[in-house]
């Protein structure tokens, strides 16, 4: 997966991804964070890559993404563990 940071400020970050899967998952997890005031992706045209925009209040926007990624990884590890137990 490739990503490109288009804009980075303390309370706002825009990241371009090469497909839509991960930005959508990130959006869901970011919106659970009370410090995140806005998290959504947009795709200007079908031929363009999606861009995730995150705005925060009282928390660094990149730190919010880092925390969301950690939570995603933790949940995926739990799913993997549960799946292995079911065999």
PDB file of N, CA and C in Angstrom:
ATOM      1  N   UNK A   1       0.853  -1.166   0.000  1.00  0.00           N
ATOM      2  CA  UNK A   1       0.000   0.000   0.000  1.00  0.00           C
ATOM      3  C   UNK A   1       0.904   1.236   0.000  1.00  0.00           C
ATOM      4  N   UNK A   2       0.590   2.122  -0.888  1.00  0.00           N
ATOM      5  CA  UNK A   2       1.313   3.385  -0.952  1.00  0.00           C
ATOM      6  C   UNK A   2       0.445   4.496  -0.400  1.00  0.00           C
ATOM      7  N   UNK A   3       1.106   5.434   0.286  1.00  0.00           N
ATOM      8  CA  UNK A   3       0.394   6.611   0.763  1.00  0.00           C
ATOM      9  C   UNK A   3       1.294   7.820   0.622  1.00  0.00           C
ATOM     10  N   UNK A   4       0.651   8.957   0.514  1.00  0.00           N
ATOM     11  CA  UNK A   4       1.373  10.215   0.316  1.00  0.00           C
ATOM     12  C   UNK A   4       0.713  11.272   1.199  1.00  0.00           C
ATOM     13  N   UNK A   5       1.499  11.886   2.068  1.00  0.00           N
ATOM     14  CA  UNK A   5       0.976  12.960   2.911  1.00  0.00           C
ATOM     15  C   UNK A   5       0.920  14.226   2.068  1.00  0.00           C
ATOM     16  N   UNK A   6      -0.284  14.751   1.889  1.00  0.00           N
ATOM     17  CA  UNK A   6      -0.481  15.940   1.069  1.00  0.00           C
ATOM     18  C   UNK A   6      -0.397  17.217   1.900  1.00  0.00           C
ATOM     19  N   UNK A   7      -0.841  17.122   3.154  1.00  0.00           N
ATOM     20  CA  UNK A   7      -0.864  18.289   4.029  1.00  0.00           C
ATOM     21  C   UNK A   7      -0.710  17.783   5.457  1.00  0.00           C
ATOM     22  N   UNK A   8       0.138  18.461   6.233  1.00  0.00           N
ATOM     23  CA  UNK A   8       0.286  18.057   7.629  1.00  0.00           C
ATOM     24  C   UNK A   8       0.475  19.274   8.510  1.00  0.00           C
ATOM     25  N   UNK A   9      -0.473  19.449   9.399  1.00  0.00           N
ATOM     26  CA  UNK A   9      -0.422  20.474  10.428  1.00  0.00           C
ATOM     27  C   UNK A   9      -0.723  19.773  11.748  1.00  0.00           C
ATOM     28  N   UNK A  10      -0.601  20.488  12.834  1.00  0.00           N
ATOM     29  CA  UNK A  10      -0.819  19.855  14.138  1.00  0.00           C
ATOM     30  C   UNK A  10      -2.205  19.231  14.242  1.00  0.00           C
ATOM     31  N   UNK A  11      -3.225  19.965  13.861  1.00  0.00           N
ATOM     32  CA  UNK A  11      -4.601  19.494  14.043  1.00  0.00           C
ATOM     33  C   UNK A  11      -5.286  19.044  12.753  1.00  0.00           C
ATOM     34  N   UNK A  12      -4.522  18.911  11.687  1.00  0.00           N
ATOM     35  CA  UNK A  12      -5.128  18.507  10.416  1.00  0.00           C
ATOM     36  C   UNK A  12      -4.089  17.778   9.555  1.00  0.00           C
ATOM     37  N   UNK A  13      -4.540  16.715   8.906  1.00  0.00           N
ATOM     38  CA  UNK A  13      -3.665  15.970   8.000  1.00  0.00           C
ATOM     39  C   UNK A  13      -4.496  15.447   6.834  1.00  0.00           C
ATOM     40  N   UNK A  14      -3.903  15.462   5.655  1.00  0.00           N
ATOM     41  CA  UNK A  14      -4.518  14.886   4.454  1.00  0.00           C
ATOM     42  C   UNK A  14      -3.554  13.852   3.899  1.00  0.00           C
ATOM     43  N   UNK A  15      -4.058  12.639   3.692  1.00  0.00           N
ATOM     44  CA  UNK A  15      -3.230  11.544   3.199  1.00  0.00           C
ATOM     45  C   UNK A  15      -3.903  10.902   2.000  1.00  0.00           C
ATOM     46  N   UNK A  16      -3.143  10.735   0.935  1.00  0.00           N
ATOM     47  CA  UNK A  16      -3.642  10.075  -0.271  1.00  0.00           C
ATOM     48  C   UNK A  16      -3.224   8.605  -0.233  1.00  0.00           C
ATOM     49  N   UNK A  17      -4.163   7.727  -0.506  1.00  0.00           N
ATOM     50  CA  UNK A  17      -3.916   6.280  -0.533  1.00  0.00           C
ATOM     51  C   UNK A  17      -4.081   5.756  -1.950  1.00  0.00           C
ATOM     52  N   UNK A  18      -3.513   4.575  -2.219  1.00  0.00           N
ATOM     53  CA  UNK A  18      -3.619   4.028  -3.570  1.00  0.00           C
ATOM     54  C   UNK A  18      -4.885   3.206  -3.784  1.00  0.00           C
ATOM     55  N   UNK A  19      -5.609   2.893  -2.710  1.00  0.00           N
ATOM     56  CA  UNK A  19      -6.923   2.258  -2.863  1.00  0.00           C
ATOM     57  C   UNK A  19      -7.813   2.686  -1.708  1.00  0.00           C
ATOM     58  N   UNK A  20      -9.035   2.264  -1.709  1.00  0.00           N
ATOM     59  CA  UNK A  20     -10.035   2.772  -0.770  1.00  0.00           C
ATOM     60  C   UNK A  20     -10.186   1.943   0.502  1.00  0.00           C
ATOM     61  N   UNK A  21      -9.692   0.726   0.518  1.00  0.00           N
ATOM     62  CA  UNK A  21      -9.935  -0.171   1.647  1.00  0.00           C
ATOM     63  C   UNK A  21      -9.444   0.402   2.972  1.00  0.00           C
ATOM     64  N   UNK A  22      -8.176   0.754   3.037  1.00  0.00           N
ATOM     65  CA  UNK A  22      -7.633   1.203   4.317  1.00  0.00           C
ATOM     66  C   UNK A  22      -8.173   2.563   4.767  1.00  0.00           C
ATOM     67  N   UNK A  23      -8.339   3.533   3.878  1.00  0.00           N
ATOM     68  CA  UNK A  23      -8.921   4.797   4.352  1.00  0.00           C
ATOM     69  C   UNK A  23     -10.312   4.621   4.972  1.00  0.00           C
ATOM     70  N   UNK A  24     -11.099   3.699   4.453  1.00  0.00           N
ATOM     71  CA  UNK A  24     -12.433   3.472   5.006  1.00  0.00           C
ATOM     72  C   UNK A  24     -12.345   2.865   6.402  1.00  0.00           C
ATOM     73  N   UNK A  25     -11.451   1.898   6.583  1.00  0.00           N
ATOM     74  CA  UNK A  25     -11.266   1.304   7.915  1.00  0.00           C
ATOM     75  C   UNK A  25     -10.754   2.364   8.887  1.00  0.00           C
ATOM     76  N   UNK A  26      -9.771   3.143   8.452  1.00  0.00           N
ATOM     77  CA  UNK A  26      -9.232   4.206   9.297  1.00  0.00           C
ATOM     78  C   UNK A  26     -10.312   5.207   9.697  1.00  0.00           C
ATOM     79  N   UNK A  27     -11.146   5.569   8.759  1.00  0.00           N
ATOM     80  CA  UNK A  27     -12.224   6.523   9.036  1.00  0.00           C
ATOM     81  C   UNK A  27     -13.101   6.027  10.170  1.00  0.00           C
ATOM     82  N   UNK A  28     -13.456   4.757  10.136  1.00  0.00           N
ATOM     83  CA  UNK A  28     -14.317   4.182  11.168  1.00  0.00           C
ATOM     84  C   UNK A  28     -13.638   4.270  12.537  1.00  0.00           C
ATOM     85  N   UNK A  29     -12.396   3.860  12.608  1.00  0.00           N
ATOM     86  CA  UNK A  29     -11.680   3.875  13.886  1.00  0.00           C
ATOM     87  C   UNK A  29     -11.401   5.304  14.357  1.00  0.00           C
ATOM     88  N   UNK A  30     -11.064   6.195  13.454  1.00  0.00           N
ATOM     89  CA  UNK A  30     -10.802   7.586  13.835  1.00  0.00           C
ATOM     90  C   UNK A  30     -12.039   8.251  14.419  1.00  0.00           C
ATOM     91  N   UNK A  31     -13.197   7.942  13.879  1.00  0.00           N
ATOM     92  CA  UNK A  31     -14.433   8.559  14.374  1.00  0.00           C
ATOM     93  C   UNK A  31     -14.833   8.063  15.756  1.00  0.00           C
ATOM     94  N   UNK A  32     -14.154   7.052  16.276  1.00  0.00           N
ATOM     95  CA  UNK A  32     -14.382   6.592  17.653  1.00  0.00           C
ATOM     96  C   UNK A  32     -13.601   7.438  18.660  1.00  0.00           C
ATOM     97  N   UNK A  33     -12.611   8.172  18.177  1.00  0.00           N
ATOM     98  CA  UNK A  33     -11.734   8.976  19.022  1.00  0.00           C
ATOM     99  C   UNK A  33     -12.400  10.321  19.305  1.00  0.00           C
ATOM    100  N   UNK A  34     -12.595  10.649  20.567  1.00  0.00           N
ATOM    101  CA  UNK A  34     -13.280  11.893  20.926  1.00  0.00           C
ATOM    102  C   UNK A  34     -12.483  13.141  20.543  1.00  0.00           C
ATOM    103  N   UNK A  35     -11.172  13.013  20.345  1.00  0.00           N
ATOM    104  CA  UNK A  35     -10.349  14.161  19.944  1.00  0.00           C
ATOM    105  C   UNK A  35     -10.435  14.432  18.441  1.00  0.00           C
ATOM    106  N   UNK A  36     -10.978  13.495  17.694  1.00  0.00           N
ATOM    107  CA  UNK A  36     -11.122  13.669  16.249  1.00  0.00           C
ATOM    108  C   UNK A  36     -12.451  14.373  15.982  1.00  0.00           C
ATOM    109  N   UNK A  37     -12.366  15.542  15.361  1.00  0.00           N
ATOM    110  CA  UNK A  37     -13.577  16.311  15.070  1.00  0.00           C
ATOM    111  C   UNK A  37     -14.113  16.014  13.665  1.00  0.00           C
ATOM    112  N   UNK A  38     -13.239  15.494  12.796  1.00  0.00           N
ATOM    113  CA  UNK A  38     -13.659  15.173  11.431  1.00  0.00           C
ATOM    114  C   UNK A  38     -12.709  14.140  10.859  1.00  0.00           C
ATOM    115  N   UNK A  39     -13.267  13.094  10.268  1.00  0.00           N
ATOM    116  CA  UNK A  39     -12.467  12.077   9.569  1.00  0.00           C
ATOM    117  C   UNK A  39     -13.317  11.530   8.433  1.00  0.00           C
ATOM    118  N   UNK A  40     -12.869  11.776   7.218  1.00  0.00           N
ATOM    119  CA  UNK A  40     -13.604  11.297   6.043  1.00  0.00           C
ATOM    120  C   UNK A  40     -12.650  11.235   4.864  1.00  0.00           C
ATOM    121  N   UNK A  41     -13.007  10.395   3.915  1.00  0.00           N
ATOM    122  CA  UNK A  41     -12.213  10.330   2.694  1.00  0.00           C
ATOM    123  C   UNK A  41     -13.055  10.875   1.552  1.00  0.00           C
ATOM    124  N   UNK A  42     -12.356  11.298   0.514  1.00  0.00           N
ATOM    125  CA  UNK A  42     -13.047  11.760  -0.689  1.00  0.00           C
ATOM    126  C   UNK A  42     -12.293  11.225  -1.895  1.00  0.00           C
ATOM    127  N   UNK A  43     -13.019  11.095  -2.957  1.00  0.00           N
ATOM    128  CA  UNK A  43     -12.432  10.647  -4.216  1.00  0.00           C
ATOM    129  C   UNK A  43     -13.021  11.555  -5.288  1.00  0.00           C
ATOM    130  N   UNK A  44     -12.222  12.495  -5.737  1.00  0.00           N
ATOM    131  CA  UNK A  44     -12.685  13.519  -6.682  1.00  0.00           C
ATOM    132  C   UNK A  44     -13.238  12.922  -7.982  1.00  0.00           C
ATOM    133  N   UNK A  45     -12.619  11.833  -8.435  1.00  0.00           N
ATOM    134  CA  UNK A  45     -13.018  11.208  -9.695  1.00  0.00           C
ATOM    135  C   UNK A  45     -12.639   9.738  -9.620  1.00  0.00           C
ATOM    136  N   UNK A  46     -13.337   8.900 -10.355  1.00  0.00           N
ATOM    137  CA  UNK A  46     -13.079   7.452 -10.318  1.00  0.00           C
ATOM    138  C   UNK A  46     -11.640   7.096 -10.680  1.00  0.00           C
ATOM    139  N   UNK A  47     -10.986   7.937 -11.452  1.00  0.00           N
ATOM    140  CA  UNK A  47      -9.601   7.658 -11.849  1.00  0.00           C
ATOM    141  C   UNK A  47      -8.570   8.169 -10.843  1.00  0.00           C
ATOM    142  N   UNK A  48      -9.036   8.867  -9.810  1.00  0.00           N
ATOM    143  CA  UNK A  48      -8.119   9.446  -8.826  1.00  0.00           C
ATOM    144  C   UNK A  48      -8.098   8.613  -7.549  1.00  0.00           C
ATOM    145  N   UNK A  49      -7.014   8.749  -6.799  1.00  0.00           N
ATOM    146  CA  UNK A  49      -6.875   8.045  -5.526  1.00  0.00           C
ATOM    147  C   UNK A  49      -7.679   8.735  -4.429  1.00  0.00           C
ATOM    148  N   UNK A  50      -8.141   7.963  -3.441  1.00  0.00           N
ATOM    149  CA  UNK A  50      -8.869   8.565  -2.325  1.00  0.00           C
ATOM    150  C   UNK A  50      -7.929   9.349  -1.415  1.00  0.00           C
ATOM    151  N   UNK A  51      -8.466  10.402  -0.808  1.00  0.00           N
ATOM    152  CA  UNK A  51      -7.717  11.248   0.119  1.00  0.00           C
ATOM    153  C   UNK A  51      -8.479  11.267   1.437  1.00  0.00           C
ATOM    154  N   UNK A  52      -7.782  10.912   2.513  1.00  0.00           N
ATOM    155  CA  UNK A  52      -8.363  10.929   3.853  1.00  0.00           C
ATOM    156  C   UNK A  52      -8.013  12.245   4.524  1.00  0.00           C
ATOM    157  N   UNK A  53      -9.025  12.926   5.044  1.00  0.00           N
ATOM    158  CA  UNK A  53      -8.833  14.181   5.768  1.00  0.00           C
ATOM    159  C   UNK A  53      -9.200  13.940   7.233  1.00  0.00           C
ATOM    160  N   UNK A  54      -8.283  14.305   8.115  1.00  0.00           N
ATOM    161  CA  UNK A  54      -8.504  14.138   9.549  1.00  0.00           C
ATOM    162  C   UNK A  54      -8.257  15.475  10.237  1.00  0.00           C
ATOM    163  N   UNK A  55      -9.228  15.891  11.059  1.00  0.00           N
ATOM    164  CA  UNK A  55      -9.090  17.109  11.862  1.00  0.00           C
ATOM    165  C   UNK A  55      -9.290  16.728  13.322  1.00  0.00           C
ATOM    166  N   UNK A  56      -8.484  17.336  14.190  1.00  0.00           N
ATOM    167  CA  UNK A  56      -8.550  17.013  15.608  1.00  0.00           C
ATOM    168  C   UNK A  56      -8.624  18.273  16.453  1.00  0.00           C
ATOM    169  N   UNK A  57      -8.956  18.071  17.715  1.00  0.00           N
ATOM    170  CA  UNK A  57      -8.955  19.170  18.676  1.00  0.00           C
ATOM    171  C   UNK A  57      -8.239  18.653  19.930  1.00  0.00           C
ATOM    172  N   UNK A  58      -7.122  19.295  20.263  1.00  0.00           N
ATOM    173  CA  UNK A  58      -6.379  18.909  21.454  1.00  0.00           C
ATOM    174  C   UNK A  58      -5.488  17.705  21.289  1.00  0.00           C
ATOM    175  N   UNK A  59      -5.315  17.217  20.079  1.00  0.00           N
ATOM    176  CA  UNK A  59      -4.484  16.044  19.820  1.00  0.00           C
ATOM    177  C   UNK A  59      -3.879  16.185  18.432  1.00  0.00           C
ATOM    178  N   UNK A  60      -2.629  15.795  18.287  1.00  0.00           N
ATOM    179  CA  UNK A  60      -1.976  15.829  16.993  1.00  0.00           C
ATOM    180  C   UNK A  60      -2.694  14.882  16.030  1.00  0.00           C
ATOM    181  N   UNK A  61      -2.970  15.335  14.833  1.00  0.00           N
ATOM    182  CA  UNK A  61      -3.713  14.523  13.855  1.00  0.00           C
ATOM    183  C   UNK A  61      -2.967  13.246  13.493  1.00  0.00           C
ATOM    184  N   UNK A  62      -1.650  13.325  13.344  1.00  0.00           N
ATOM    185  CA  UNK A  62      -0.874  12.117  13.028  1.00  0.00           C
ATOM    186  C   UNK A  62      -0.932  11.138  14.190  1.00  0.00           C
ATOM    187  N   UNK A  63      -0.893  11.644  15.415  1.00  0.00           N
ATOM    188  CA  UNK A  63      -0.990  10.780  16.594  1.00  0.00           C
ATOM    189  C   UNK A  63      -2.344  10.063  16.625  1.00  0.00           C
ATOM    190  N   UNK A  64      -3.393  10.742  16.193  1.00  0.00           N
ATOM    191  CA  UNK A  64      -4.718  10.110  16.129  1.00  0.00           C
ATOM    192  C   UNK A  64      -4.715   8.964  15.124  1.00  0.00           C
ATOM    193  N   UNK A  65      -4.065   9.176  13.985  1.00  0.00           N
ATOM    194  CA  UNK A  65      -3.964   8.102  12.985  1.00  0.00           C
ATOM    195  C   UNK A  65      -3.137   6.952  13.531  1.00  0.00           C
ATOM    196  N   UNK A  66      -2.013   7.266  14.173  1.00  0.00           N
ATOM    197  CA  UNK A  66      -1.173   6.219  14.758  1.00  0.00           C
ATOM    198  C   UNK A  66      -1.957   5.372  15.750  1.00  0.00           C
ATOM    199  N   UNK A  67      -2.745   6.022  16.604  1.00  0.00           N
ATOM    200  CA  UNK A  67      -3.549   5.299  17.594  1.00  0.00           C
ATOM    201  C   UNK A  67      -4.595   4.421  16.910  1.00  0.00           C
ATOM    202  N   UNK A  68      -5.236   4.951  15.883  1.00  0.00           N
ATOM    203  CA  UNK A  68      -6.247   4.176  15.148  1.00  0.00           C
ATOM    204  C   UNK A  68      -5.616   2.950  14.492  1.00  0.00           C
ATOM    205  N   UNK A  69      -4.432   3.122  13.915  1.00  0.00           N
ATOM    206  CA  UNK A  69      -3.738   1.988  13.284  1.00  0.00           C
ATOM    207  C   UNK A  69      -3.408   0.925  14.329  1.00  0.00           C
ATOM    208  N   UNK A  70      -2.946   1.345  15.507  1.00  0.00           N
ATOM    209  CA  UNK A  70      -2.656   0.393  16.586  1.00  0.00           C
ATOM    210  C   UNK A  70      -3.909  -0.389  16.969  1.00  0.00           C
ATOM    211  N   UNK A  71      -5.046   0.286  17.059  1.00  0.00           N
ATOM    212  CA  UNK A  71      -6.297  -0.375  17.415  1.00  0.00           C
ATOM    213  C   UNK A  71      -6.735  -1.355  16.325  1.00  0.00           C
ATOM    214  N   UNK A  72      -6.539  -0.977  15.072  1.00  0.00           N
ATOM    215  CA  UNK A  72      -6.877  -1.871  13.959  1.00  0.00           C
ATOM    216  C   UNK A  72      -6.024  -3.137  14.034  1.00  0.00           C
ATOM    217  N   UNK A  73      -4.729  -2.970  14.235  1.00  0.00           N
ATOM    218  CA  UNK A  73      -3.806  -4.116  14.321  1.00  0.00           C
ATOM    219  C   UNK A  73      -4.205  -5.023  15.487  1.00  0.00           C
ATOM    220  N   UNK A  74      -4.523  -4.422  16.630  1.00  0.00           N
ATOM    221  CA  UNK A  74      -4.926  -5.195  17.808  1.00  0.00           C
ATOM    222  C   UNK A  74      -6.192  -6.012  17.515  1.00  0.00           C
ATOM    223  N   UNK A  75      -7.162  -5.389  16.866  1.00  0.00           N
ATOM    224  CA  UNK A  75      -8.401  -6.100  16.528  1.00  0.00           C
ATOM    225  C   UNK A  75      -8.150  -7.217  15.518  1.00  0.00           C
ATOM    226  N   UNK A  76      -7.286  -6.968  14.551  1.00  0.00           N
ATOM    227  CA  UNK A  76      -6.969  -8.005  13.566  1.00  0.00           C
ATOM    228  C   UNK A  76      -6.233  -9.183  14.210  1.00  0.00           C
ATOM    229  N   UNK A  77      -5.356  -8.892  15.147  1.00  0.00           N
ATOM    230  CA  UNK A  77      -4.663  -9.971  15.856  1.00  0.00           C
ATOM    231  C   UNK A  77      -5.653 -10.811  16.653  1.00  0.00           C
ATOM    232  N   UNK A  78      -6.640 -10.173  17.245  1.00  0.00           N
ATOM    233  CA  UNK A  78      -7.676 -10.897  17.997  1.00  0.00           C
ATOM    234  C   UNK A  78      -8.492 -11.784  17.057  1.00  0.00           C
ATOM    235  N   UNK A  79      -8.846 -11.270  15.893  1.00  0.00           N
ATOM    236  CA  UNK A  79      -9.583 -12.070  14.915  1.00  0.00           C
ATOM    237  C   UNK A  79      -8.747 -13.274  14.485  1.00  0.00           C
ATOM    238  N   UNK A  80      -7.475 -13.034  14.220  1.00  0.00           N
ATOM    239  CA  UNK A  80      -6.592 -14.135  13.825  1.00  0.00           C
ATOM    240  C   UNK A  80      -6.506 -15.186  14.916  1.00  0.00           C
ATOM    241  N   UNK A  81      -6.348 -14.743  16.164  1.00  0.00           N
ATOM    242  CA  UNK A  81      -6.261 -15.665  17.295  1.00  0.00           C
ATOM    243  C   UNK A  81      -7.546 -16.479  17.432  1.00  0.00           C
ATOM    244  N   UNK A  82      -8.678 -15.823  17.353  1.00  0.00           N
ATOM    245  CA  UNK A  82      -9.963 -16.516  17.459  1.00  0.00           C
ATOM    246  C   UNK A  82     -10.154 -17.507  16.318  1.00  0.00           C
ATOM    247  N   UNK A  83      -9.721 -17.127  15.135  1.00  0.00           N
ATOM    248  CA  UNK A  83      -9.860 -18.014  13.982  1.00  0.00           C
ATOM    249  C   UNK A  83      -8.998 -19.253  14.133  1.00  0.00           C
ATOM    250  N   UNK A  84      -7.792 -19.073  14.633  1.00  0.00           N
ATOM    251  CA  UNK A  84      -6.890 -20.227  14.846  1.00  0.00           C
ATOM    252  C   UNK A  84      -7.458 -21.176  15.886  1.00  0.00           C
ATOM    253  N   UNK A  85      -8.115 -20.659  16.912  1.00  0.00           N
ATOM    254  CA  UNK A  85      -8.714 -21.485  17.947  1.00  0.00           C
ATOM    255  C   UNK A  85      -9.884 -22.302  17.408  1.00  0.00           C
ATOM    256  N   UNK A  86     -10.526 -21.819  16.381  1.00  0.00           N
ATOM    257  CA  UNK A  86     -11.733 -22.481  15.862  1.00  0.00           C
ATOM    258  C   UNK A  86     -11.418 -23.687  14.988  1.00  0.00           C
ATOM    259  N   UNK A  87     -10.183 -23.945  14.685  1.00  0.00           N
ATOM    260  CA  UNK A  87      -9.827 -25.082  13.809  1.00  0.00           C
ATOM    261  C   UNK A  87      -9.946 -26.405  14.502  1.00  0.00           C
TER     262      UNK A  87
END
